[in-house]
Amino acid sequence: MEFVLESALNLLGFVVGLVLGIFAYIGFKNTGSPTLFRLSISFFSISIGFGVVGFGFLIESLVLGYAKLDTWIQTLGLGIQTIGYFFIAFSHGIKSFFPKSRYFKSIAMPLFIIPGNSIEHIIRSISFILLVYGTIETILSYMENRKRSTIFVAAGLGLLALGEFLGWYSIVFPKSVLYFISVSTKIVGLGALFVPISQVPLRGARFGNNI
């Protein structure tokens, strides 16, 4: 039952990310905005990441008869999602892969120094940092322009960050409900992003400081 739920949640994330990517790409074709082009790459990457995990669950369960997903498939899917998160942060004008402020270092350190970190731990840590960066930048943007769509962007990025944080702890505490909550939270975050992104093909929408 857990295997089925995990597959369903990740495949749902695949569909939601794909729809967002399509809308962002249509917006890019209509406006020529490089920001929307980067966002389309971002959402397609997130979608593919969910798809790798979701279809991996299905193949290993139905075809190979495994009871648990191979770690490398999970890590690959998360790595592809992280590429998407990087493009989201880059859309805010990020200057380096790791923010240099003390605030972000204080967030990152607890995630990296706990003993027994695997590649998956590190990938989730990077994703979390990038998403928190994007969330804060979006909140600052909202304080400047007071656009309602910016609230949905901030909420979406914040939920994605929370999902990655819970996902990190699901590794620390295996066989708990944290993994399901993590994936569900990320899907809700993508749903929040759908509100402003869905408006792009029709009339354009602001994402952070850029059109």
N, C-alpha and C. Protein backbone atom coordinates (compact mmCIF):
# COMPACT_ATOMS: atom_id res chain seq x y z
N MET A 1 0.83 -1.20 0.00
CA MET A 1 0.00 0.00 0.00
C MET A 1 0.86 1.26 0.00
N GLU A 2 1.93 1.26 0.79
CA GLU A 2 2.83 2.40 0.84
C GLU A 2 3.48 2.63 -0.53
N PHE A 3 3.85 1.54 -1.20
CA PHE A 3 4.48 1.63 -2.50
C PHE A 3 3.54 2.30 -3.50
N VAL A 4 2.26 1.93 -3.45
CA VAL A 4 1.26 2.50 -4.35
C VAL A 4 1.10 3.99 -4.09
N LEU A 5 1.02 4.37 -2.82
CA LEU A 5 0.85 5.77 -2.46
C LEU A 5 2.05 6.60 -2.87
N GLU A 6 3.24 6.07 -2.66
CA GLU A 6 4.45 6.77 -3.04
C GLU A 6 4.49 6.98 -4.56
N SER A 7 4.13 5.95 -5.31
CA SER A 7 4.10 6.05 -6.77
C SER A 7 3.08 7.11 -7.21
N ALA A 8 1.88 7.05 -6.62
CA ALA A 8 0.80 7.97 -7.01
C ALA A 8 1.19 9.42 -6.73
N LEU A 9 1.77 9.69 -5.57
CA LEU A 9 2.14 11.05 -5.20
C LEU A 9 3.21 11.60 -6.15
N ASN A 10 4.21 10.78 -6.45
CA ASN A 10 5.28 11.24 -7.34
C ASN A 10 4.79 11.42 -8.77
N LEU A 11 3.88 10.57 -9.23
CA LEU A 11 3.32 10.73 -10.57
C LEU A 11 2.43 11.96 -10.64
N LEU A 12 1.73 12.27 -9.54
CA LEU A 12 0.95 13.50 -9.49
C LEU A 12 1.87 14.71 -9.58
N GLY A 13 2.98 14.67 -8.86
CA GLY A 13 3.97 15.74 -8.96
C GLY A 13 4.52 15.88 -10.37
N PHE A 14 4.69 14.75 -11.05
CA PHE A 14 5.15 14.75 -12.44
C PHE A 14 4.16 15.50 -13.33
N VAL A 15 2.87 15.21 -13.17
CA VAL A 15 1.84 15.84 -13.99
C VAL A 15 1.74 17.35 -13.70
N VAL A 16 1.73 17.71 -12.41
CA VAL A 16 1.61 19.13 -12.04
C VAL A 16 2.81 19.92 -12.55
N GLY A 17 4.01 19.38 -12.37
CA GLY A 17 5.21 20.06 -12.87
C GLY A 17 5.20 20.19 -14.38
N LEU A 18 4.71 19.15 -15.07
CA LEU A 18 4.65 19.19 -16.53
C LEU A 18 3.69 20.28 -17.01
N VAL A 19 2.53 20.38 -16.36
CA VAL A 19 1.56 21.41 -16.73
C VAL A 19 2.15 22.80 -16.51
N LEU A 20 2.83 22.99 -15.39
CA LEU A 20 3.47 24.29 -15.12
C LEU A 20 4.52 24.61 -16.18
N GLY A 21 5.31 23.60 -16.55
CA GLY A 21 6.33 23.81 -17.57
C GLY A 21 5.73 24.21 -18.90
N ILE A 22 4.61 23.57 -19.27
CA ILE A 22 3.94 23.89 -20.54
C ILE A 22 3.43 25.33 -20.51
N PHE A 23 2.78 25.73 -19.41
CA PHE A 23 2.27 27.09 -19.31
C PHE A 23 3.41 28.11 -19.37
N ALA A 24 4.50 27.82 -18.66
CA ALA A 24 5.64 28.75 -18.67
C ALA A 24 6.24 28.85 -20.07
N TYR A 25 6.30 27.73 -20.78
CA TYR A 25 6.87 27.76 -22.14
C TYR A 25 5.96 28.52 -23.09
N ILE A 26 4.63 28.33 -22.96
CA ILE A 26 3.69 29.10 -23.78
C ILE A 26 3.85 30.59 -23.50
N GLY A 27 4.01 30.94 -22.22
CA GLY A 27 4.24 32.33 -21.86
C GLY A 27 5.52 32.87 -22.49
N PHE A 28 6.57 32.03 -22.51
CA PHE A 28 7.83 32.44 -23.14
C PHE A 28 7.63 32.68 -24.63
N LYS A 29 6.88 31.80 -25.30
CA LYS A 29 6.65 31.95 -26.74
C LYS A 29 5.86 33.23 -27.03
N ASN A 30 4.96 33.61 -26.11
CA ASN A 30 4.12 34.80 -26.33
C ASN A 30 4.83 36.10 -25.97
N THR A 31 5.73 36.04 -25.00
CA THR A 31 6.37 37.27 -24.51
C THR A 31 7.85 37.37 -24.84
N GLY A 32 8.50 36.23 -25.11
CA GLY A 32 9.94 36.24 -25.35
C GLY A 32 10.76 36.47 -24.10
N SER A 33 10.15 36.33 -22.92
CA SER A 33 10.84 36.60 -21.67
C SER A 33 11.85 35.50 -21.34
N PRO A 34 13.12 35.84 -21.15
CA PRO A 34 14.12 34.83 -20.77
C PRO A 34 13.83 34.23 -19.39
N THR A 35 13.18 35.03 -18.52
CA THR A 35 12.81 34.50 -17.20
C THR A 35 11.83 33.35 -17.34
N LEU A 36 10.83 33.51 -18.20
CA LEU A 36 9.86 32.44 -18.41
C LEU A 36 10.51 31.23 -19.07
N PHE A 37 11.52 31.45 -19.90
CA PHE A 37 12.24 30.33 -20.49
C PHE A 37 12.96 29.53 -19.40
N ARG A 38 13.61 30.26 -18.47
CA ARG A 38 14.28 29.58 -17.36
C ARG A 38 13.28 28.84 -16.48
N LEU A 39 12.11 29.47 -16.28
CA LEU A 39 11.09 28.82 -15.45
C LEU A 39 10.53 27.58 -16.13
N SER A 40 10.41 27.60 -17.45
CA SER A 40 9.94 26.41 -18.15
C SER A 40 10.95 25.27 -17.97
N ILE A 41 12.24 25.57 -18.06
CA ILE A 41 13.27 24.56 -17.80
C ILE A 41 13.15 24.05 -16.37
N SER A 42 12.92 24.99 -15.45
CA SER A 42 12.80 24.64 -14.04
C SER A 42 11.66 23.65 -13.80
N PHE A 43 10.47 23.98 -14.29
CA PHE A 43 9.31 23.13 -14.04
C PHE A 43 9.41 21.80 -14.77
N PHE A 44 9.98 21.80 -15.97
CA PHE A 44 10.18 20.54 -16.68
C PHE A 44 11.16 19.65 -15.91
N SER A 45 12.20 20.27 -15.33
CA SER A 45 13.16 19.50 -14.55
C SER A 45 12.51 18.91 -13.30
N ILE A 46 11.71 19.73 -12.61
CA ILE A 46 11.00 19.24 -11.43
C ILE A 46 10.06 18.10 -11.81
N SER A 47 9.37 18.26 -12.93
CA SER A 47 8.45 17.22 -13.41
C SER A 47 9.20 15.93 -13.70
N ILE A 48 10.32 16.03 -14.41
CA ILE A 48 11.12 14.85 -14.74
C ILE A 48 11.62 14.18 -13.48
N GLY A 49 12.04 15.00 -12.49
CA GLY A 49 12.52 14.44 -11.23
C GLY A 49 11.45 13.62 -10.53
N PHE A 50 10.23 14.17 -10.46
CA PHE A 50 9.12 13.41 -9.89
C PHE A 50 8.85 12.16 -10.72
N GLY A 51 8.93 12.30 -12.05
CA GLY A 51 8.65 11.17 -12.93
C GLY A 51 9.64 10.03 -12.76
N VAL A 52 10.93 10.38 -12.60
CA VAL A 52 11.95 9.35 -12.40
C VAL A 52 11.63 8.51 -11.16
N VAL A 53 11.26 9.20 -10.08
CA VAL A 53 10.93 8.47 -8.84
C VAL A 53 9.63 7.70 -8.99
N GLY A 54 8.59 8.36 -9.53
CA GLY A 54 7.29 7.72 -9.65
C GLY A 54 7.30 6.51 -10.56
N PHE A 55 7.87 6.66 -11.76
CA PHE A 55 7.93 5.53 -12.69
C PHE A 55 8.92 4.48 -12.19
N GLY A 56 9.94 4.93 -11.45
CA GLY A 56 10.87 3.97 -10.84
C GLY A 56 10.15 3.07 -9.86
N PHE A 57 9.28 3.68 -9.03
CA PHE A 57 8.46 2.89 -8.12
C PHE A 57 7.64 1.85 -8.88
N LEU A 58 6.97 2.29 -9.95
CA LEU A 58 6.09 1.40 -10.69
C LEU A 58 6.85 0.25 -11.34
N ILE A 59 7.96 0.57 -12.01
CA ILE A 59 8.73 -0.45 -12.71
C ILE A 59 9.30 -1.47 -11.74
N GLU A 60 9.88 -0.99 -10.64
CA GLU A 60 10.49 -1.91 -9.70
C GLU A 60 9.45 -2.73 -8.94
N SER A 61 8.27 -2.16 -8.76
CA SER A 61 7.22 -2.88 -8.05
C SER A 61 6.50 -3.89 -8.95
N LEU A 62 6.05 -3.43 -10.13
CA LEU A 62 5.23 -4.26 -11.00
C LEU A 62 6.04 -5.19 -11.90
N VAL A 63 7.22 -4.71 -12.35
CA VAL A 63 8.02 -5.50 -13.28
C VAL A 63 9.06 -6.35 -12.57
N LEU A 64 9.80 -5.73 -11.66
CA LEU A 64 10.90 -6.43 -11.00
C LEU A 64 10.48 -7.07 -9.68
N GLY A 65 9.34 -6.65 -9.15
CA GLY A 65 8.84 -7.25 -7.91
C GLY A 65 9.58 -6.80 -6.66
N TYR A 66 10.25 -5.63 -6.71
CA TYR A 66 10.94 -5.13 -5.54
C TYR A 66 9.94 -4.55 -4.54
N ALA A 67 10.31 -4.57 -3.28
CA ALA A 67 9.44 -4.00 -2.24
C ALA A 67 9.88 -2.61 -1.83
N LYS A 68 11.03 -2.17 -2.36
CA LYS A 68 11.56 -0.86 -1.99
C LYS A 68 12.31 -0.28 -3.17
N LEU A 69 12.18 1.04 -3.35
CA LEU A 69 12.85 1.71 -4.46
C LEU A 69 14.35 1.76 -4.22
N ASP A 70 15.12 1.48 -5.29
CA ASP A 70 16.57 1.59 -5.19
C ASP A 70 16.97 3.02 -4.85
N THR A 71 17.97 3.15 -3.99
CA THR A 71 18.40 4.46 -3.53
C THR A 71 18.87 5.35 -4.67
N TRP A 72 19.55 4.78 -5.65
CA TRP A 72 20.11 5.59 -6.73
C TRP A 72 19.02 6.23 -7.58
N ILE A 73 17.88 5.56 -7.72
CA ILE A 73 16.77 6.15 -8.48
C ILE A 73 16.20 7.36 -7.73
N GLN A 74 16.01 7.19 -6.42
CA GLN A 74 15.52 8.30 -5.59
C GLN A 74 16.48 9.48 -5.66
N THR A 75 17.78 9.20 -5.56
CA THR A 75 18.79 10.25 -5.59
C THR A 75 18.81 10.94 -6.95
N LEU A 76 18.70 10.17 -8.03
CA LEU A 76 18.68 10.74 -9.38
C LEU A 76 17.48 11.68 -9.55
N GLY A 77 16.30 11.23 -9.11
CA GLY A 77 15.11 12.06 -9.22
C GLY A 77 15.24 13.36 -8.44
N LEU A 78 15.77 13.27 -7.23
CA LEU A 78 15.95 14.47 -6.42
C LEU A 78 16.98 15.41 -7.03
N GLY A 79 18.02 14.83 -7.63
CA GLY A 79 19.04 15.65 -8.27
C GLY A 79 18.49 16.45 -9.44
N ILE A 80 17.63 15.82 -10.24
CA ILE A 80 17.01 16.51 -11.37
C ILE A 80 16.07 17.61 -10.87
N GLN A 81 15.35 17.34 -9.78
CA GLN A 81 14.50 18.38 -9.19
C GLN A 81 15.33 19.57 -8.72
N THR A 82 16.50 19.28 -8.16
CA THR A 82 17.36 20.35 -7.65
C THR A 82 17.81 21.27 -8.77
N ILE A 83 18.04 20.71 -9.97
CA ILE A 83 18.37 21.54 -11.12
C ILE A 83 17.26 22.54 -11.38
N GLY A 84 16.01 22.05 -11.26
CA GLY A 84 14.86 22.94 -11.42
C GLY A 84 14.83 24.03 -10.38
N TYR A 85 15.14 23.69 -9.13
CA TYR A 85 15.15 24.69 -8.06
C TYR A 85 16.24 25.73 -8.29
N PHE A 86 17.37 25.29 -8.88
CA PHE A 86 18.44 26.24 -9.17
C PHE A 86 17.98 27.28 -10.18
N PHE A 87 17.24 26.85 -11.21
CA PHE A 87 16.76 27.79 -12.22
C PHE A 87 15.73 28.75 -11.63
N ILE A 88 14.95 28.27 -10.65
CA ILE A 88 14.02 29.18 -9.97
C ILE A 88 14.80 30.26 -9.22
N ALA A 89 15.83 29.83 -8.47
CA ALA A 89 16.65 30.80 -7.74
C ALA A 89 17.37 31.72 -8.71
N PHE A 90 17.83 31.17 -9.84
CA PHE A 90 18.53 31.97 -10.84
C PHE A 90 17.61 33.03 -11.43
N SER A 91 16.31 32.74 -11.48
CA SER A 91 15.35 33.71 -11.99
C SER A 91 15.25 34.94 -11.10
N HIS A 92 15.73 34.82 -9.87
CA HIS A 92 15.76 35.96 -8.95
C HIS A 92 17.10 36.69 -9.01
N GLY A 93 17.97 36.26 -9.94
CA GLY A 93 19.25 36.94 -10.07
C GLY A 93 20.30 36.44 -9.11
N ILE A 94 20.23 35.14 -8.76
CA ILE A 94 21.21 34.59 -7.83
C ILE A 94 22.61 34.70 -8.45
N LYS A 95 23.60 35.08 -7.67
CA LYS A 95 24.93 35.33 -8.18
C LYS A 95 25.87 34.14 -7.99
N SER A 96 25.53 33.24 -7.09
CA SER A 96 26.38 32.08 -6.86
C SER A 96 25.51 30.92 -6.43
N PHE A 97 26.07 29.71 -6.49
CA PHE A 97 25.26 28.53 -6.18
C PHE A 97 24.86 28.51 -4.72
N PHE A 98 25.74 28.96 -3.83
CA PHE A 98 25.43 29.02 -2.41
C PHE A 98 25.41 30.47 -1.97
N PRO A 99 24.27 30.96 -1.44
CA PRO A 99 24.23 32.32 -0.90
C PRO A 99 25.30 32.50 0.17
N LYS A 100 25.88 33.70 0.25
CA LYS A 100 27.03 33.92 1.12
C LYS A 100 26.66 34.53 2.46
N SER A 101 25.43 34.91 2.67
CA SER A 101 25.08 35.59 3.91
C SER A 101 25.15 34.64 5.10
N ARG A 102 25.37 35.19 6.28
CA ARG A 102 25.44 34.38 7.50
C ARG A 102 24.11 33.69 7.77
N TYR A 103 23.00 34.37 7.40
CA TYR A 103 21.68 33.78 7.64
C TYR A 103 21.54 32.45 6.91
N PHE A 104 21.93 32.41 5.64
CA PHE A 104 21.78 31.18 4.87
C PHE A 104 22.78 30.13 5.33
N LYS A 105 23.96 30.57 5.77
CA LYS A 105 24.92 29.60 6.30
C LYS A 105 24.38 28.96 7.57
N SER A 106 23.67 29.73 8.39
CA SER A 106 23.11 29.17 9.62
C SER A 106 22.02 28.16 9.31
N ILE A 107 21.34 28.32 8.16
CA ILE A 107 20.33 27.34 7.75
C ILE A 107 21.01 26.09 7.23
N ALA A 108 22.08 26.29 6.46
CA ALA A 108 22.71 25.17 5.77
C ALA A 108 23.50 24.27 6.71
N MET A 109 24.21 24.85 7.67
CA MET A 109 25.14 24.08 8.49
C MET A 109 24.51 22.88 9.19
N PRO A 110 23.36 23.03 9.87
CA PRO A 110 22.79 21.86 10.55
C PRO A 110 22.47 20.72 9.58
N LEU A 111 22.19 21.06 8.32
CA LEU A 111 21.85 20.02 7.36
C LEU A 111 23.08 19.26 6.87
N PHE A 112 24.24 19.90 6.91
CA PHE A 112 25.43 19.27 6.38
C PHE A 112 26.30 18.59 7.44
N ILE A 113 26.21 19.02 8.70
CA ILE A 113 27.18 18.52 9.67
C ILE A 113 26.71 17.27 10.41
N ILE A 114 25.43 16.88 10.29
CA ILE A 114 24.97 15.67 10.97
C ILE A 114 25.67 14.47 10.39
N PRO A 115 26.24 13.58 11.22
CA PRO A 115 26.99 12.43 10.73
C PRO A 115 26.14 11.54 9.84
N GLY A 116 26.81 10.84 8.91
CA GLY A 116 26.13 9.86 8.09
C GLY A 116 25.42 10.45 6.88
N ASN A 117 25.77 11.67 6.51
CA ASN A 117 25.13 12.28 5.36
C ASN A 117 25.43 11.50 4.08
N SER A 118 24.43 11.30 3.26
CA SER A 118 24.58 10.66 1.98
C SER A 118 24.43 11.71 0.89
N ILE A 119 24.57 11.28 -0.37
CA ILE A 119 24.37 12.20 -1.47
C ILE A 119 22.95 12.76 -1.44
N GLU A 120 21.98 11.93 -1.08
CA GLU A 120 20.59 12.39 -1.01
C GLU A 120 20.42 13.47 0.03
N HIS A 121 21.09 13.33 1.19
CA HIS A 121 21.05 14.37 2.22
C HIS A 121 21.53 15.70 1.65
N ILE A 122 22.68 15.65 0.97
CA ILE A 122 23.29 16.87 0.46
C ILE A 122 22.42 17.51 -0.61
N ILE A 123 21.85 16.69 -1.50
CA ILE A 123 20.99 17.22 -2.55
C ILE A 123 19.78 17.92 -1.95
N ARG A 124 19.16 17.29 -0.96
CA ARG A 124 18.00 17.91 -0.31
C ARG A 124 18.41 19.20 0.40
N SER A 125 19.61 19.23 0.97
CA SER A 125 20.08 20.44 1.65
C SER A 125 20.24 21.58 0.66
N ILE A 126 20.84 21.28 -0.51
CA ILE A 126 21.02 22.30 -1.54
C ILE A 126 19.66 22.81 -2.02
N SER A 127 18.72 21.87 -2.25
CA SER A 127 17.38 22.25 -2.70
C SER A 127 16.72 23.18 -1.69
N PHE A 128 16.85 22.84 -0.42
CA PHE A 128 16.23 23.64 0.64
C PHE A 128 16.78 25.05 0.65
N ILE A 129 18.10 25.18 0.55
CA ILE A 129 18.74 26.49 0.58
C ILE A 129 18.28 27.34 -0.60
N LEU A 130 18.26 26.73 -1.80
CA LEU A 130 17.84 27.47 -2.99
C LEU A 130 16.39 27.93 -2.88
N LEU A 131 15.53 27.06 -2.35
CA LEU A 131 14.12 27.41 -2.25
C LEU A 131 13.87 28.48 -1.18
N VAL A 132 14.60 28.41 -0.08
CA VAL A 132 14.47 29.45 0.94
C VAL A 132 14.94 30.79 0.37
N TYR A 133 16.02 30.75 -0.38
CA TYR A 133 16.51 31.97 -1.05
C TYR A 133 15.42 32.56 -1.94
N GLY A 134 14.82 31.70 -2.78
CA GLY A 134 13.76 32.16 -3.67
C GLY A 134 12.56 32.70 -2.92
N THR A 135 12.20 32.05 -1.82
CA THR A 135 11.06 32.49 -1.01
C THR A 135 11.29 33.88 -0.43
N ILE A 136 12.44 34.09 0.16
CA ILE A 136 12.75 35.38 0.77
C ILE A 136 12.82 36.48 -0.28
N GLU A 137 13.46 36.18 -1.42
CA GLU A 137 13.54 37.17 -2.49
C GLU A 137 12.14 37.54 -3.00
N THR A 138 11.25 36.56 -3.08
CA THR A 138 9.89 36.82 -3.55
C THR A 138 9.11 37.67 -2.54
N ILE A 139 9.31 37.39 -1.26
CA ILE A 139 8.66 38.20 -0.23
C ILE A 139 9.13 39.64 -0.30
N LEU A 140 10.44 39.83 -0.49
CA LEU A 140 10.97 41.19 -0.64
C LEU A 140 10.40 41.88 -1.88
N SER A 141 10.22 41.09 -2.95
CA SER A 141 9.63 41.64 -4.16
C SER A 141 8.18 42.07 -3.91
N TYR A 142 7.45 41.26 -3.13
CA TYR A 142 6.06 41.61 -2.83
C TYR A 142 5.99 42.91 -2.05
N MET A 143 6.92 43.12 -1.12
CA MET A 143 6.93 44.34 -0.33
C MET A 143 7.15 45.56 -1.21
N GLU A 144 7.77 45.37 -2.39
CA GLU A 144 8.01 46.48 -3.30
C GLU A 144 6.83 46.74 -4.24
N ASN A 145 6.27 45.65 -4.82
CA ASN A 145 5.25 45.87 -5.85
C ASN A 145 3.82 45.57 -5.41
N ARG A 146 3.67 44.83 -4.28
CA ARG A 146 2.34 44.52 -3.73
C ARG A 146 1.44 43.79 -4.74
N LYS A 147 2.03 42.98 -5.59
CA LYS A 147 1.26 42.20 -6.54
C LYS A 147 0.72 40.94 -5.86
N ARG A 148 -0.56 40.67 -6.04
CA ARG A 148 -1.17 39.51 -5.37
C ARG A 148 -0.58 38.20 -5.86
N SER A 149 -0.22 38.15 -7.15
CA SER A 149 0.35 36.92 -7.69
C SER A 149 1.67 36.56 -7.02
N THR A 150 2.38 37.59 -6.52
CA THR A 150 3.66 37.34 -5.85
C THR A 150 3.46 36.56 -4.56
N ILE A 151 2.31 36.74 -3.92
CA ILE A 151 2.03 35.98 -2.69
C ILE A 151 1.96 34.50 -2.99
N PHE A 152 1.32 34.14 -4.10
CA PHE A 152 1.22 32.72 -4.48
C PHE A 152 2.61 32.14 -4.78
N VAL A 153 3.46 32.95 -5.42
CA VAL A 153 4.82 32.49 -5.71
C VAL A 153 5.58 32.24 -4.42
N ALA A 154 5.49 33.19 -3.48
CA ALA A 154 6.18 33.03 -2.20
C ALA A 154 5.66 31.82 -1.45
N ALA A 155 4.33 31.64 -1.44
CA ALA A 155 3.74 30.49 -0.75
C ALA A 155 4.18 29.19 -1.41
N GLY A 156 4.19 29.18 -2.75
CA GLY A 156 4.59 27.97 -3.46
C GLY A 156 6.03 27.58 -3.18
N LEU A 157 6.94 28.56 -3.25
CA LEU A 157 8.36 28.28 -2.97
C LEU A 157 8.57 27.89 -1.52
N GLY A 158 7.82 28.55 -0.61
CA GLY A 158 7.93 28.21 0.81
C GLY A 158 7.49 26.78 1.08
N LEU A 159 6.41 26.35 0.43
CA LEU A 159 5.94 24.97 0.61
C LEU A 159 6.90 23.97 0.00
N LEU A 160 7.50 24.32 -1.13
CA LEU A 160 8.51 23.44 -1.71
C LEU A 160 9.71 23.30 -0.77
N ALA A 161 10.12 24.42 -0.16
CA ALA A 161 11.22 24.37 0.80
C ALA A 161 10.86 23.51 2.01
N LEU A 162 9.64 23.68 2.52
CA LEU A 162 9.19 22.87 3.65
C LEU A 162 9.16 21.39 3.28
N GLY A 163 8.71 21.10 2.05
CA GLY A 163 8.68 19.72 1.59
C GLY A 163 10.06 19.10 1.55
N GLU A 164 11.05 19.87 1.08
CA GLU A 164 12.42 19.35 1.05
C GLU A 164 12.97 19.16 2.46
N PHE A 165 12.62 20.07 3.35
CA PHE A 165 13.07 19.95 4.75
C PHE A 165 12.50 18.69 5.39
N LEU A 166 11.20 18.46 5.19
CA LEU A 166 10.57 17.25 5.73
C LEU A 166 11.13 16.00 5.06
N GLY A 167 11.43 16.12 3.76
CA GLY A 167 12.03 14.99 3.06
C GLY A 167 13.39 14.63 3.63
N TRP A 168 14.16 15.66 4.01
CA TRP A 168 15.46 15.42 4.62
C TRP A 168 15.29 14.65 5.92
N TYR A 169 14.31 15.04 6.73
CA TYR A 169 14.08 14.35 8.00
C TYR A 169 13.46 12.97 7.80
N SER A 170 12.82 12.73 6.66
CA SER A 170 12.29 11.40 6.39
C SER A 170 13.42 10.40 6.19
N ILE A 171 14.61 10.90 5.79
CA ILE A 171 15.79 10.03 5.68
C ILE A 171 16.33 9.73 7.07
N VAL A 172 16.32 10.75 7.93
CA VAL A 172 16.81 10.57 9.30
C VAL A 172 15.89 9.64 10.08
N PHE A 173 14.57 9.75 9.82
CA PHE A 173 13.59 8.89 10.50
C PHE A 173 12.84 8.06 9.46
N PRO A 174 13.46 6.98 8.97
CA PRO A 174 12.82 6.16 7.94
C PRO A 174 11.56 5.47 8.46
N LYS A 175 10.72 5.02 7.53
CA LYS A 175 9.48 4.30 7.82
C LYS A 175 8.49 5.15 8.63
N SER A 176 8.57 6.46 8.45
CA SER A 176 7.61 7.36 9.09
C SER A 176 6.74 7.99 7.99
N VAL A 177 5.76 8.78 8.42
CA VAL A 177 4.86 9.41 7.44
C VAL A 177 5.48 10.67 6.85
N LEU A 178 6.68 11.03 7.28
CA LEU A 178 7.29 12.28 6.82
C LEU A 178 7.49 12.30 5.31
N TYR A 179 7.82 11.15 4.71
CA TYR A 179 8.04 11.13 3.26
C TYR A 179 6.76 11.50 2.52
N PHE A 180 5.64 10.92 2.93
CA PHE A 180 4.37 11.20 2.27
C PHE A 180 3.97 12.66 2.46
N ILE A 181 4.19 13.18 3.66
CA ILE A 181 3.89 14.59 3.93
C ILE A 181 4.79 15.48 3.09
N SER A 182 6.06 15.08 2.95
CA SER A 182 7.02 15.85 2.16
C SER A 182 6.58 15.97 0.71
N VAL A 183 6.28 14.85 0.07
CA VAL A 183 5.87 14.88 -1.34
C VAL A 183 4.56 15.63 -1.51
N SER A 184 3.61 15.41 -0.58
CA SER A 184 2.32 16.10 -0.66
C SER A 184 2.50 17.61 -0.54
N THR A 185 3.37 18.04 0.37
CA THR A 185 3.63 19.47 0.56
C THR A 185 4.23 20.09 -0.69
N LYS A 186 5.15 19.37 -1.34
CA LYS A 186 5.76 19.87 -2.57
C LYS A 186 4.73 20.00 -3.70
N ILE A 187 3.80 19.05 -3.76
CA ILE A 187 2.76 19.11 -4.80
C ILE A 187 1.85 20.31 -4.55
N VAL A 188 1.49 20.55 -3.28
CA VAL A 188 0.67 21.72 -2.95
C VAL A 188 1.43 23.00 -3.32
N GLY A 189 2.75 23.01 -3.08
CA GLY A 189 3.57 24.17 -3.45
C GLY A 189 3.55 24.42 -4.94
N LEU A 190 3.65 23.35 -5.74
CA LEU A 190 3.55 23.50 -7.19
C LEU A 190 2.17 24.01 -7.59
N GLY A 191 1.14 23.54 -6.86
CA GLY A 191 -0.22 24.01 -7.13
C GLY A 191 -0.36 25.50 -6.89
N ALA A 192 0.30 26.00 -5.83
CA ALA A 192 0.26 27.44 -5.55
C ALA A 192 0.95 28.22 -6.66
N LEU A 193 2.04 27.68 -7.20
CA LEU A 193 2.74 28.35 -8.30
C LEU A 193 1.91 28.35 -9.57
N PHE A 194 0.99 27.39 -9.68
CA PHE A 194 0.17 27.30 -10.89
C PHE A 194 -0.72 28.54 -11.06
N VAL A 195 -1.13 29.15 -9.94
CA VAL A 195 -2.04 30.30 -10.01
C VAL A 195 -1.42 31.45 -10.82
N PRO A 196 -0.20 31.94 -10.48
CA PRO A 196 0.36 33.02 -11.30
C PRO A 196 0.86 32.55 -12.66
N ILE A 197 1.42 31.33 -12.71
CA ILE A 197 1.98 30.85 -13.97
C ILE A 197 0.89 30.64 -15.01
N SER A 198 -0.30 30.22 -14.58
CA SER A 198 -1.40 29.97 -15.52
C SER A 198 -1.87 31.26 -16.19
N GLN A 199 -1.56 32.41 -15.59
CA GLN A 199 -1.96 33.69 -16.15
C GLN A 199 -0.99 34.19 -17.21
N VAL A 200 0.19 33.59 -17.26
CA VAL A 200 1.25 34.09 -18.14
C VAL A 200 0.86 34.03 -19.61
N PRO A 201 0.35 32.90 -20.14
CA PRO A 201 0.04 32.86 -21.58
C PRO A 201 -0.99 33.89 -22.00
N LEU A 202 -1.81 34.37 -21.08
CA LEU A 202 -2.88 35.30 -21.43
C LEU A 202 -2.44 36.75 -21.36
N ARG A 203 -1.76 37.12 -20.28
CA ARG A 203 -1.46 38.55 -20.13
C ARG A 203 -0.12 38.82 -19.45
N GLY A 204 0.67 37.81 -19.18
CA GLY A 204 1.95 38.02 -18.53
C GLY A 204 1.77 38.09 -17.03
N ALA A 205 2.75 37.67 -16.27
CA ALA A 205 2.69 37.72 -14.81
C ALA A 205 4.09 37.91 -14.28
N ARG A 206 4.20 38.53 -13.11
CA ARG A 206 5.51 38.78 -12.53
C ARG A 206 5.95 37.61 -11.66
N PHE A 207 7.21 37.24 -11.83
CA PHE A 207 7.83 36.24 -10.98
C PHE A 207 9.05 36.87 -10.37
N GLY A 208 8.95 37.21 -9.07
CA GLY A 208 10.03 37.96 -8.45
C GLY A 208 10.07 39.35 -9.03
N ASN A 209 11.27 39.77 -9.47
CA ASN A 209 11.42 41.12 -10.01
C ASN A 209 11.33 41.15 -11.53
N ASN A 210 11.10 39.97 -12.16
CA ASN A 210 11.17 39.89 -13.60
C ASN A 210 9.82 39.51 -14.20
N ILE A 211 9.64 39.89 -15.49
CA ILE A 211 8.43 39.49 -16.20
C ILE A 211 8.64 38.09 -16.75
